[in-house]
């Protein structure tokens, strides 16, 4: 066989490798009964810290859009004497 990677004569002791066949895995197991309630619980716990930032971002965004529109308006007094 020779000394190729994977066939080295070194023995590693006290290391256990576990493997699971892809056919034995259940990727969506308990995703509805456990995952969705867990998601809701985590969102409710994180909401008090995130909500002030979201509210302030919305207020600043709305104010900045309104201020931009106000600054772009033309003043009718500047154009009264135009012919």
N, C-alpha and C. Protein backbone atom coordinates (compact mmCIF):
# COMPACT_ATOMS: atom_id res chain seq x y z
N UNK A 1 0.81 -1.19 0.00
CA UNK A 1 0.00 0.00 0.00
C UNK A 1 0.85 1.26 0.00
N UNK A 2 1.93 1.28 0.70
CA UNK A 2 2.77 2.47 0.70
C UNK A 2 2.28 3.51 1.68
N UNK A 3 3.00 4.60 1.78
CA UNK A 3 2.66 5.67 2.70
C UNK A 3 1.94 6.78 1.94
N UNK A 4 0.68 6.58 1.74
CA UNK A 4 -0.15 7.60 1.11
C UNK A 4 -1.06 8.19 2.17
N UNK A 5 -1.53 9.41 1.89
CA UNK A 5 -2.41 10.05 2.85
C UNK A 5 -3.68 9.22 2.98
N UNK A 6 -4.03 8.88 4.19
CA UNK A 6 -5.16 8.01 4.46
C UNK A 6 -4.74 6.60 4.81
N UNK A 7 -3.53 6.23 4.45
CA UNK A 7 -3.02 4.90 4.75
C UNK A 7 -1.74 4.98 5.57
N UNK A 8 -1.59 6.00 6.39
CA UNK A 8 -0.38 6.15 7.18
C UNK A 8 -0.38 5.15 8.33
N UNK A 9 0.79 4.71 8.78
CA UNK A 9 0.85 3.69 9.84
C UNK A 9 0.67 4.27 11.24
N UNK A 10 0.18 5.50 11.35
CA UNK A 10 0.01 6.12 12.66
C UNK A 10 -1.38 5.78 13.18
N UNK A 11 -1.44 5.32 14.43
CA UNK A 11 -2.72 5.00 15.05
C UNK A 11 -3.05 6.08 16.07
N UNK A 12 -4.22 6.61 15.98
CA UNK A 12 -4.67 7.63 16.92
C UNK A 12 -5.58 6.93 17.92
N UNK A 13 -5.24 7.05 19.17
CA UNK A 13 -6.02 6.38 20.21
C UNK A 13 -6.88 7.40 20.95
N UNK A 14 -7.94 6.92 21.55
CA UNK A 14 -8.88 7.70 22.35
C UNK A 14 -9.58 8.80 21.55
N UNK A 15 -9.70 8.65 20.25
CA UNK A 15 -10.47 9.57 19.42
C UNK A 15 -11.54 8.74 18.74
N UNK A 16 -12.78 9.12 18.95
CA UNK A 16 -13.89 8.37 18.39
C UNK A 16 -14.57 9.25 17.35
N UNK A 17 -14.77 8.73 16.18
CA UNK A 17 -15.44 9.43 15.10
C UNK A 17 -16.84 8.87 14.96
N UNK A 18 -17.80 9.76 14.88
CA UNK A 18 -19.18 9.36 14.67
C UNK A 18 -19.64 9.88 13.32
N UNK A 19 -20.46 9.13 12.69
CA UNK A 19 -21.01 9.56 11.41
C UNK A 19 -22.46 9.15 11.29
N UNK A 20 -23.20 9.91 10.51
CA UNK A 20 -24.61 9.62 10.30
C UNK A 20 -24.87 9.65 8.81
N UNK A 21 -25.48 8.61 8.33
CA UNK A 21 -25.78 8.52 6.91
C UNK A 21 -26.79 9.59 6.52
N UNK A 22 -26.66 10.17 5.32
CA UNK A 22 -27.65 11.14 4.88
C UNK A 22 -29.05 10.55 4.79
N UNK A 23 -29.13 9.23 4.64
CA UNK A 23 -30.44 8.60 4.56
C UNK A 23 -31.10 8.51 5.93
N UNK A 24 -30.31 8.62 6.99
CA UNK A 24 -30.87 8.52 8.34
C UNK A 24 -31.20 9.88 8.95
N UNK A 25 -30.78 10.95 8.30
CA UNK A 25 -31.03 12.28 8.84
C UNK A 25 -32.45 12.71 8.52
N UNK A 26 -33.00 13.46 9.44
CA UNK A 26 -34.31 14.07 9.23
C UNK A 26 -34.13 15.57 9.37
N UNK A 27 -33.95 16.25 8.25
CA UNK A 27 -33.60 17.67 8.26
C UNK A 27 -34.73 18.54 8.81
N UNK A 28 -35.97 18.16 8.59
CA UNK A 28 -37.11 18.98 9.01
C UNK A 28 -37.82 18.40 10.21
N UNK A 29 -37.15 17.54 10.96
CA UNK A 29 -37.78 16.94 12.13
C UNK A 29 -38.04 18.00 13.18
N UNK A 30 -39.23 18.06 13.69
CA UNK A 30 -39.66 19.00 14.73
C UNK A 30 -39.52 20.46 14.34
N UNK A 31 -39.47 20.75 13.05
CA UNK A 31 -39.31 22.14 12.64
C UNK A 31 -40.58 22.94 12.89
N UNK A 32 -41.74 22.31 12.80
CA UNK A 32 -42.99 23.02 13.02
C UNK A 32 -43.35 23.03 14.50
N UNK A 33 -43.22 21.89 15.15
CA UNK A 33 -43.66 21.81 16.55
C UNK A 33 -42.66 22.43 17.52
N UNK A 34 -41.40 22.47 17.16
CA UNK A 34 -40.39 23.02 18.06
C UNK A 34 -39.77 24.31 17.50
N UNK A 35 -39.53 24.36 16.21
CA UNK A 35 -38.82 25.47 15.61
C UNK A 35 -39.59 26.78 15.58
N UNK A 36 -40.85 26.73 15.17
CA UNK A 36 -41.65 27.95 15.08
C UNK A 36 -41.93 28.56 16.44
N UNK A 37 -42.34 27.78 17.46
CA UNK A 37 -42.49 28.39 18.79
C UNK A 37 -41.18 28.94 19.34
N UNK A 38 -40.06 28.29 19.05
CA UNK A 38 -38.77 28.78 19.50
C UNK A 38 -38.43 30.10 18.80
N UNK A 39 -38.75 30.21 17.51
CA UNK A 39 -38.52 31.45 16.77
C UNK A 39 -39.34 32.59 17.35
N UNK A 40 -40.59 32.32 17.66
CA UNK A 40 -41.46 33.35 18.23
C UNK A 40 -40.95 33.77 19.61
N UNK A 41 -40.54 32.82 20.42
CA UNK A 41 -40.02 33.12 21.75
C UNK A 41 -38.76 33.98 21.66
N UNK A 42 -37.86 33.65 20.76
CA UNK A 42 -36.63 34.44 20.61
C UNK A 42 -36.93 35.83 20.09
N UNK A 43 -37.89 35.95 19.18
CA UNK A 43 -38.24 37.27 18.65
C UNK A 43 -38.85 38.15 19.75
N UNK A 44 -39.69 37.57 20.60
CA UNK A 44 -40.30 38.33 21.69
C UNK A 44 -39.24 38.76 22.69
N UNK A 45 -38.26 37.91 22.95
CA UNK A 45 -37.19 38.27 23.89
C UNK A 45 -36.28 39.36 23.32
N UNK A 46 -36.07 39.38 22.02
CA UNK A 46 -35.17 40.35 21.40
C UNK A 46 -35.87 41.66 21.06
N UNK A 47 -37.20 41.65 21.03
CA UNK A 47 -37.96 42.83 20.62
C UNK A 47 -37.70 44.07 21.46
N UNK A 48 -37.65 44.01 22.79
CA UNK A 48 -37.43 45.23 23.57
C UNK A 48 -36.10 45.93 23.27
N UNK A 49 -35.08 45.19 22.89
CA UNK A 49 -33.81 45.84 22.59
C UNK A 49 -33.76 46.35 21.15
N UNK A 50 -34.50 45.73 20.24
CA UNK A 50 -34.45 46.12 18.85
C UNK A 50 -35.47 47.19 18.47
N UNK A 51 -36.58 47.24 19.18
CA UNK A 51 -37.68 48.12 18.80
C UNK A 51 -37.30 49.60 18.81
N UNK A 52 -36.59 50.12 19.82
CA UNK A 52 -36.24 51.55 19.77
C UNK A 52 -35.40 51.93 18.55
N UNK A 53 -34.50 51.07 18.16
CA UNK A 53 -33.69 51.34 16.96
C UNK A 53 -34.52 51.37 15.70
N UNK A 54 -35.46 50.43 15.58
CA UNK A 54 -36.33 50.41 14.41
C UNK A 54 -37.22 51.65 14.36
N UNK A 55 -37.75 52.05 15.50
CA UNK A 55 -38.62 53.22 15.54
C UNK A 55 -37.83 54.48 15.18
N UNK A 56 -36.66 54.64 15.77
CA UNK A 56 -35.84 55.81 15.46
C UNK A 56 -35.42 55.83 13.99
N UNK A 57 -35.11 54.69 13.42
CA UNK A 57 -34.74 54.63 12.01
C UNK A 57 -35.90 55.05 11.12
N UNK A 58 -37.10 54.60 11.45
CA UNK A 58 -38.28 54.96 10.66
C UNK A 58 -38.56 56.46 10.78
N UNK A 59 -38.43 57.01 11.97
CA UNK A 59 -38.69 58.44 12.17
C UNK A 59 -37.67 59.28 11.40
N UNK A 60 -36.40 58.93 11.50
CA UNK A 60 -35.36 59.68 10.79
C UNK A 60 -35.54 59.56 9.29
N UNK A 61 -35.88 58.38 8.80
CA UNK A 61 -36.10 58.18 7.37
C UNK A 61 -37.26 59.04 6.88
N UNK A 62 -38.37 59.01 7.61
CA UNK A 62 -39.55 59.78 7.21
C UNK A 62 -39.24 61.28 7.24
N UNK A 63 -38.54 61.74 8.27
CA UNK A 63 -38.18 63.15 8.36
C UNK A 63 -37.25 63.55 7.22
N UNK A 64 -36.26 62.72 6.91
CA UNK A 64 -35.31 63.09 5.87
C UNK A 64 -35.97 63.15 4.50
N UNK A 65 -36.90 62.26 4.21
CA UNK A 65 -37.62 62.31 2.93
C UNK A 65 -38.47 63.56 2.85
N UNK A 66 -39.17 63.91 3.94
CA UNK A 66 -39.99 65.12 3.95
C UNK A 66 -39.13 66.37 3.81
N UNK A 67 -37.98 66.41 4.47
CA UNK A 67 -37.09 67.57 4.39
C UNK A 67 -36.50 67.70 2.98
N UNK A 68 -36.18 66.59 2.36
CA UNK A 68 -35.66 66.61 0.99
C UNK A 68 -36.70 67.18 0.04
N UNK A 69 -37.94 66.71 0.17
CA UNK A 69 -39.02 67.22 -0.68
C UNK A 69 -39.26 68.70 -0.43
N UNK A 70 -39.19 69.15 0.82
CA UNK A 70 -39.41 70.56 1.15
C UNK A 70 -38.32 71.43 0.54
N UNK A 71 -37.08 70.96 0.58
CA UNK A 71 -35.97 71.74 0.04
C UNK A 71 -35.99 71.81 -1.48
N UNK A 72 -36.63 70.88 -2.14
CA UNK A 72 -36.68 70.87 -3.60
C UNK A 72 -37.81 71.72 -4.16
N UNK A 73 -38.73 72.17 -3.32
CA UNK A 73 -39.83 73.01 -3.80
C UNK A 73 -39.32 74.37 -4.20
N UNK A 74 -39.93 74.92 -5.26
CA UNK A 74 -39.56 76.25 -5.71
C UNK A 74 -40.38 77.29 -4.95
N UNK A 75 -39.77 78.43 -4.69
CA UNK A 75 -40.46 79.51 -4.00
C UNK A 75 -41.19 80.35 -5.05
N UNK A 76 -42.52 80.45 -4.99
CA UNK A 76 -43.26 81.20 -6.01
C UNK A 76 -42.94 82.70 -6.00
N UNK A 77 -42.46 83.25 -4.87
CA UNK A 77 -42.15 84.67 -4.80
C UNK A 77 -40.97 85.04 -5.72
N UNK A 78 -40.11 84.09 -5.99
CA UNK A 78 -38.97 84.37 -6.87
C UNK A 78 -39.39 84.54 -8.33
N UNK A 79 -40.55 84.04 -8.70
CA UNK A 79 -40.96 84.02 -10.10
C UNK A 79 -42.19 84.90 -10.35
N UNK A 80 -42.53 85.85 -9.46
CA UNK A 80 -43.72 86.69 -9.63
C UNK A 80 -43.56 87.66 -10.79
N UNK A 81 -42.39 88.21 -10.99
CA UNK A 81 -42.19 89.26 -12.00
C UNK A 81 -41.70 88.73 -13.33
N UNK A 82 -41.67 87.42 -13.51
CA UNK A 82 -41.23 86.87 -14.79
C UNK A 82 -42.30 87.08 -15.86
N UNK A 83 -41.84 87.31 -17.06
CA UNK A 83 -42.80 87.51 -18.17
C UNK A 83 -42.69 86.39 -19.14
